C-alpha atoms as a PDB file:
ATOM      1  CA  MET A   1      54.420  38.988 124.517  1.00  0.00           C
ATOM      2  CA  LYS A   2      56.129  39.012 127.911  1.00  0.00           C
ATOM      3  CA  ALA A   3      59.165  39.093 126.392  1.00  0.00           C
ATOM      4  CA  ALA A   4      58.884  42.799 125.055  1.00  0.00           C
ATOM      5  CA  VAL A   5      57.947  43.790 128.454  1.00  0.00           C
ATOM      6  CA  THR A   6      61.053  42.194 130.322  1.00  0.00           C
ATOM      7  CA  ARG A   7      64.181  44.266 127.280  1.00  0.00           C
ATOM      8  CA  PRO A   8      65.620  46.990 128.399  1.00  0.00           C
ATOM      9  CA  ALA A   9      64.040  49.433 126.009  1.00  0.00           C
ATOM     10  CA  ALA A  10      61.010  48.161 126.891  1.00  0.00           C
ATOM     11  CA  VAL A  11      61.534  48.645 130.774  1.00  0.00           C
ATOM     12  CA  ALA A  12      63.144  51.867 129.800  1.00  0.00           C
ATOM     13  CA  ALA A  13      60.034  53.061 128.112  1.00  0.00           C
ATOM     14  CA  LEU A  14      57.590  52.070 130.987  1.00  0.00           C
ATOM     15  CA  VAL A  15      59.885  53.448 133.715  1.00  0.00           C
ATOM     16  CA  ALA A  16      60.001  56.602 132.001  1.00  0.00           C
ATOM     17  CA  ALA A  17      56.396  57.082 130.676  1.00  0.00           C
ATOM     18  CA  GLU A  18      55.935  56.619 134.881  1.00  0.00           C
ATOM     19  CA  ASP A  19      58.217  59.411 135.652  1.00  0.00           C
ATOM     20  CA  ARG A  20      56.260  61.777 133.633  1.00  0.00           C
ATOM     21  CA  GLU A  21      53.323  60.801 135.112  1.00  0.00           C
ATOM     22  CA  ASN A  22      54.777  61.184 138.740  1.00  0.00           C
ATOM     23  CA  GLU A  23      56.067  64.757 137.219  1.00  0.00           C
ATOM     24  CA  ARG A  24      52.596  65.504 136.457  1.00  0.00           C
ATOM     25  CA  ALA A  25      51.043  64.199 139.433  1.00  0.00           C
ATOM     26  CA  ALA A  26      53.552  66.674 141.656  1.00  0.00           C
ATOM     27  CA  PHE A  27      53.320  69.736 139.487  1.00  0.00           C
ATOM     28  CA  TRP A  28      48.966  69.059 140.510  1.00  0.00           C
ATOM     29  CA  ALA A  29      49.415  68.976 143.565  1.00  0.00           C
ATOM     30  CA  LEU A  30      51.165  72.460 143.734  1.00  0.00           C
ATOM     31  CA  VAL A  31      48.002  73.905 141.663  1.00  0.00           C
ATOM     32  CA  PRO A  32      47.150  75.792 144.880  1.00  0.00           C
ATOM     33  CA  MET A  33      43.445  74.994 145.852  1.00  0.00           C
ATOM     34  CA  PRO A  34      40.522  76.946 145.181  1.00  0.00           C
ATOM     35  CA  ALA A  35      42.609  77.264 141.436  1.00  0.00           C
ATOM     36  CA  ARG A  36      41.999  73.693 141.086  1.00  0.00           C
ATOM     37  CA  VAL A  37      38.536  74.348 142.323  1.00  0.00           C
ATOM     38  CA  VAL A  38      38.060  76.285 139.423  1.00  0.00           C
ATOM     39  CA  VAL A  39      39.034  73.802 137.265  1.00  0.00           C
ATOM     40  CA  MET A  40      36.747  71.915 138.427  1.00  0.00           C
ATOM     41  CA  LEU A  41      34.080  73.623 137.814  1.00  0.00           C
ATOM     42  CA  THR A  42      34.628  74.910 134.637  1.00  0.00           C
ATOM     43  CA  ALA A  43      34.942  71.562 133.276  1.00  0.00           C
ATOM     44  CA  ARG A  44      31.147  70.793 135.199  1.00  0.00           C
ATOM     45  CA  LEU A  45      33.103  68.382 137.927  1.00  0.00           C
ATOM     46  CA  PRO A  46      32.108  68.425 141.477  1.00  0.00           C
ATOM     47  CA  ARG A  47      34.430  70.721 143.114  1.00  0.00           C
ATOM     48  CA  ASP A  48      34.997  68.475 145.489  1.00  0.00           C
ATOM     49  CA  ARG A  49      37.449  66.888 142.862  1.00  0.00           C
ATOM     50  CA  ALA A  50      39.863  69.584 143.150  1.00  0.00           C
ATOM     51  CA  ALA A  51      40.948  67.941 146.258  1.00  0.00           C
ATOM     52  CA  ASP A  52      41.774  64.446 144.330  1.00  0.00           C
ATOM     53  CA  PRO A  53      45.489  63.043 143.291  1.00  0.00           C
ATOM     54  CA  LEU A  54      46.130  63.919 139.353  1.00  0.00           C
ATOM     55  CA  THR A  55      45.933  59.612 139.167  1.00  0.00           C
ATOM     56  CA  SER A  56      42.402  59.667 140.442  1.00  0.00           C
ATOM     57  CA  PHE A  57      40.977  60.882 137.395  1.00  0.00           C
ATOM     58  CA  THR A  58      40.300  59.289 134.053  1.00  0.00           C
ATOM     59  CA  ARG A  59      41.917  59.835 130.882  1.00  0.00           C
ATOM     60  CA  ALA A  60      38.347  60.883 129.471  1.00  0.00           C
ATOM     61  CA  GLU A  61      38.106  63.679 132.484  1.00  0.00           C
ATOM     62  CA  ARG A  62      41.759  64.707 132.119  1.00  0.00           C
ATOM     63  CA  HIS A  63      40.951  65.538 128.497  1.00  0.00           C
ATOM     64  CA  HIS A  64      38.380  67.108 129.580  1.00  0.00           C
ATOM     65  CA  ILE A  65      39.361  69.105 132.369  1.00  0.00           C
ATOM     66  CA  ALA A  66      42.327  70.132 129.549  1.00  0.00           C
ATOM     67  CA  LEU A  67      40.134  71.660 127.298  1.00  0.00           C
ATOM     68  CA  ALA A  68      38.311  73.504 129.785  1.00  0.00           C
ATOM     69  CA  LEU A  69      41.612  74.883 130.113  1.00  0.00           C
ATOM     70  CA  GLU A  70      42.724  75.692 126.938  1.00  0.00           C
ATOM     71  CA  VAL A  71      39.339  78.113 126.731  1.00  0.00           C
ATOM     72  CA  MET A  72      39.331  79.448 130.320  1.00  0.00           C
ATOM     73  CA  THR A  73      42.804  81.122 129.260  1.00  0.00           C
ATOM     74  CA  SER A  74      42.133  82.559 125.821  1.00  0.00           C
ATOM     75  CA  HIS A  75      39.091  84.019 128.721  1.00  0.00           C
ATOM     76  CA  LEU A  76      41.471  85.033 131.146  1.00  0.00           C
ATOM     77  CA  ALA A  77      43.826  86.479 128.571  1.00  0.00           C
ATOM     78  CA  VAL A  78      41.384  88.324 127.435  1.00  0.00           C
ATOM     79  CA  ALA A  79      39.654  89.595 130.467  1.00  0.00           C
ATOM     80  CA  ALA A  80      43.537  90.622 131.934  1.00  0.00           C
ATOM     81  CA  GLN A  81      44.006  92.725 128.468  1.00  0.00           C
ATOM     82  CA  CYS A  82      40.786  94.929 129.457  1.00  0.00           C
ATOM     83  CA  MET A  83      42.574  95.443 132.620  1.00  0.00           C
ATOM     84  CA  ARG A  84      45.804  96.450 131.247  1.00  0.00           C
ATOM     85  CA  ASP A  85      46.265 100.527 130.643  1.00  0.00           C
ATOM     86  CA  THR A  86      47.069  99.856 127.101  1.00  0.00           C
ATOM     87  CA  ALA A  87      46.033  99.711 123.284  1.00  0.00           C
ATOM     88  CA  PRO A  88      44.432  96.605 122.170  1.00  0.00           C
ATOM     89  CA  THR A  89      46.366  93.709 120.651  1.00  0.00           C
ATOM     90  CA  HIS A  90      43.053  92.669 118.786  1.00  0.00           C
ATOM     91  CA  THR A  91      41.004  94.419 116.521  1.00  0.00           C
ATOM     92  CA  VAL A  92      37.198  93.244 116.078  1.00  0.00           C
ATOM     93  CA  LEU A  93      35.405  94.739 112.317  1.00  0.00           C
ATOM     94  CA  LEU A  94      32.230  95.364 112.662  1.00  0.00           C
ATOM     95  CA  HIS A  95      29.903  95.042 110.031  1.00  0.00           C
END
């Protein structure tokens, strides 16, 4: 099994994966702290975790945060539409 890791293609794949993770961690650090706090609260995690680097979150926590972000993004899109002085883009049928 060690031979598979030392092949140039395998090493390149590991380096690329590490580079992507480092990029994600760098972008996470650029997210303003108030936004990170809201994300933690939405994901029902302690607000103190907002200051944590991306690499400190487990895979399960990151999945939970990503789902919370998707829900929050959809709610924010509706809220933003409500604030605009335009016709709604969605219609609701009442029975």
